[in-house]
Protein backbone atom coordinates (compact mmCIF):
# COMPACT_ATOMS: atom_id res chain seq x y z
CA MET A 1 133.95 91.48 125.89
CA THR A 2 134.01 95.29 125.88
CA GLU A 3 136.36 97.91 127.25
CA LYS A 4 133.64 98.79 129.75
CA ASP A 5 133.59 95.18 131.03
CA VAL A 6 137.36 95.22 131.42
CA ILE A 7 137.31 98.53 133.30
CA GLU A 8 134.57 97.26 135.62
CA HIS A 9 136.61 94.13 136.42
CA ARG A 10 140.05 95.71 136.25
CA ASN A 11 141.13 94.14 139.57
CA ASP A 12 139.66 90.67 138.94
CA LYS A 13 142.59 88.55 137.80
CA GLU A 14 140.55 85.63 136.47
CA PHE A 15 138.33 87.94 134.44
CA ILE A 16 141.32 89.91 133.17
CA LEU A 17 143.20 86.76 132.13
CA LYS A 18 140.26 85.89 129.87
CA ALA A 19 140.04 89.46 128.60
CA VAL A 20 143.71 89.81 127.63
CA ALA A 21 143.66 86.34 126.06
CA GLU A 22 140.96 87.73 123.78
CA ASN A 23 142.58 91.14 123.23
CA GLY A 24 146.07 91.79 124.55
CA LYS A 25 145.64 95.56 124.38
CA PHE A 26 143.03 95.34 127.14
CA LEU A 27 146.13 95.30 129.36
CA ASP A 28 146.03 99.09 129.06
CA LEU A 29 142.75 99.16 131.02
CA VAL A 30 143.59 96.89 133.93
CA SER A 31 144.78 97.85 137.39
CA LYS A 32 148.44 98.72 137.97
CA GLU A 33 148.64 95.60 140.11
CA LEU A 34 147.61 93.38 137.20
CA GLN A 35 149.88 95.25 134.78
CA ASN A 36 152.59 94.08 137.16
CA ASP A 37 151.35 90.47 137.20
CA LYS A 38 153.61 88.34 135.00
CA GLU A 39 150.93 85.77 134.20
CA VAL A 40 148.52 88.47 133.03
CA VAL A 41 151.18 90.25 130.97
CA MET A 42 152.48 87.03 129.36
CA THR A 43 148.90 86.10 128.44
CA ALA A 44 148.40 89.52 126.84
CA LEU A 45 151.71 89.20 124.95
CA GLU A 46 150.66 85.80 123.64
CA GLN A 47 147.60 87.40 122.06
CA ASP A 48 149.26 90.69 121.03
CA PRO A 49 153.00 91.29 121.51
CA GLU A 50 152.44 95.03 121.10
CA SER A 51 150.66 95.03 124.46
CA LEU A 52 154.15 95.10 126.01
CA GLU A 53 153.66 98.87 126.04
CA PHE A 54 151.19 98.47 128.92
CA ALA A 55 153.26 96.20 131.15
CA SER A 56 154.63 97.62 134.38
CA THR A 57 158.09 99.15 134.54
CA MET A 58 159.18 96.21 136.67
CA LEU A 59 158.13 93.70 134.02
CA LYS A 60 159.83 95.75 131.31
CA ASN A 61 162.99 94.81 133.20
CA ASP A 62 162.13 91.08 133.03
CA LYS A 63 164.08 89.36 130.25
CA GLU A 64 161.47 86.66 129.65
CA VAL A 65 158.73 89.27 129.25
CA ILE A 66 160.76 91.46 126.90
CA LEU A 67 161.86 88.49 124.78
CA LYS A 68 158.23 87.40 124.44
CA GLY A 69 157.27 90.85 123.19
CA VAL A 70 160.28 91.29 120.93
CA LYS A 71 159.89 87.87 119.30
CA GLY A 72 156.38 88.79 118.19
CA ALA A 73 156.88 92.51 117.57
CA PRO A 74 160.60 93.38 117.42
CA TRP A 75 159.98 97.12 117.50
CA THR A 76 158.74 96.78 121.10
CA ILE A 77 162.41 96.73 122.13
CA CYS A 78 161.80 100.44 122.70
CA TYR A 79 159.93 99.48 125.90
CA ALA A 80 162.81 97.46 127.35
CA SER A 81 164.62 98.71 130.42
CA GLU A 82 168.13 100.16 130.08
CA LYS A 83 169.47 96.94 131.57
CA LEU A 84 167.83 94.84 128.86
CA ARG A 85 168.90 97.22 126.12
CA ALA A 86 172.40 96.17 127.14
CA ASP A 87 171.54 92.45 126.96
CA LYS A 88 173.03 90.95 123.80
CA GLU A 89 170.47 88.15 123.48
CA VAL A 90 167.57 90.59 123.68
CA ILE A 91 169.04 93.10 121.22
CA LEU A 92 170.10 90.38 118.77
CA GLU A 93 166.59 88.94 118.79
CA ALA A 94 165.16 92.35 117.93
CA CYS A 95 167.82 93.22 115.31
CA LYS A 96 167.21 90.02 113.35
CA LYS A 97 163.81 91.25 112.19
CA TYR A 98 164.04 94.95 112.97
CA GLY A 99 167.39 96.58 112.24
CA GLN A 100 166.25 99.80 113.86
CA ALA A 101 166.55 98.03 117.21
CA LEU A 102 170.22 99.01 117.10
CA TYR A 103 169.06 102.54 117.90
CA PHE A 104 167.83 101.31 121.30
CA ALA A 105 170.93 99.21 122.04
CA SER A 106 173.49 100.21 124.64
CA GLU A 107 176.71 101.87 123.47
CA GLU A 108 178.53 98.62 124.19
CA LEU A 109 176.23 96.65 121.89
CA ARG A 110 176.50 99.28 119.17
CA ALA A 111 180.18 98.32 119.19
CA ASP A 112 179.46 94.57 119.06
CA ARG A 113 180.14 93.32 115.52
CA GLU A 114 177.63 90.45 115.67
CA VAL A 115 174.83 92.76 116.81
CA VAL A 116 175.66 95.45 114.25
CA LYS A 117 175.94 92.92 111.41
CA SER A 118 172.53 91.50 112.29
CA ALA A 119 171.00 94.99 112.30
CA VAL A 120 172.70 96.12 109.08
CA GLU A 121 171.70 92.94 107.23
CA ASN A 122 168.12 93.82 108.09
CA LYS A 123 168.34 97.57 107.48
CA GLY A 124 171.53 98.92 105.93
CA ILE A 125 171.13 102.55 106.85
CA ILE A 126 171.11 101.65 110.53
CA ILE A 127 174.91 101.54 110.30
CA LYS A 128 174.68 105.17 111.32
CA TYR A 129 174.04 103.96 114.90
CA ALA A 130 177.02 101.60 114.92
CA SER A 131 180.14 102.56 116.83
CA GLU A 132 182.68 104.68 114.98
CA GLU A 133 185.00 101.69 114.87
CA LEU A 134 182.41 99.46 113.19
CA ARG A 135 181.60 102.15 110.63
CA LYS A 136 185.19 101.52 109.47
CA ASP A 137 184.52 97.79 108.94
CA LYS A 138 184.57 97.08 105.20
CA GLU A 139 182.34 94.00 105.36
CA LEU A 140 179.67 95.85 107.35
CA ALA A 141 179.94 98.88 105.07
CA THR A 142 179.56 96.66 102.01
CA ILE A 143 176.45 94.97 103.44
CA ALA A 144 174.97 98.34 104.36
CA VAL A 145 175.65 100.06 101.02
CA LYS A 146 174.41 97.06 99.00
CA GLN A 147 171.22 97.13 101.03
CA ASN A 148 170.76 100.91 100.92
CA LYS A 149 173.00 103.35 99.04
CA GLN A 150 172.15 106.06 101.58
CA SER A 151 174.27 104.07 104.05
CA TYR A 152 177.33 105.41 102.23
CA HIS A 153 176.89 108.70 104.09
CA PHE A 154 177.40 106.99 107.44
CA ILE A 155 180.47 104.85 106.79
CA SER A 156 184.00 106.05 107.58
CA GLU A 157 185.75 108.56 105.34
CA GLU A 158 188.42 105.96 104.53
CA LEU A 159 185.84 103.50 103.25
CA LYS A 160 184.17 106.16 101.13
CA GLU A 161 187.44 106.19 99.16
CA ASP A 162 187.63 102.39 98.88
CA GLU A 163 187.38 101.23 95.26
CA ASP A 164 185.02 98.33 96.04
CA ILE A 165 182.67 100.62 97.95
CA LYS A 166 182.79 103.23 95.19
CA LYS A 167 181.75 100.54 92.66
CA LEU A 168 178.70 99.77 94.76
CA MET A 169 177.67 103.40 94.44
CA GLU A 170 177.72 103.38 90.61
């Protein structure tokens, strides 16, 4: 199946379901209507989670769709709606494998210890996106600095003076 075939049949749901099952990124070439069709989008995500980029704005606000994308390609959290960036389950799923997901999390979730710990365990330096309060948390700071010494620059001033933290920097 070629891009030309997909473009020619961009409004034919049955054809497009077969096409995106073969190559999820063909979702980019289909009609807006089919980019907004949950069955088509979920089929594309099954084949290639990165195809989430081409789903409609409405479906980027659908938790099931976003979770499907994020489970396969956690970085696709960047396509989630603001509402879903504030959904703890969605953000936690992304942070488990992709600490940088904390960057896309709502302010409230950047202040959620469980979410931040998950992100920092994956990528220490991401502590810089944690709430000010959580950058004062010794356990989180320890995890972050052990994982990446550059994290030291983003923890609280008080913790920079902590003897245990200083030892990690030696």
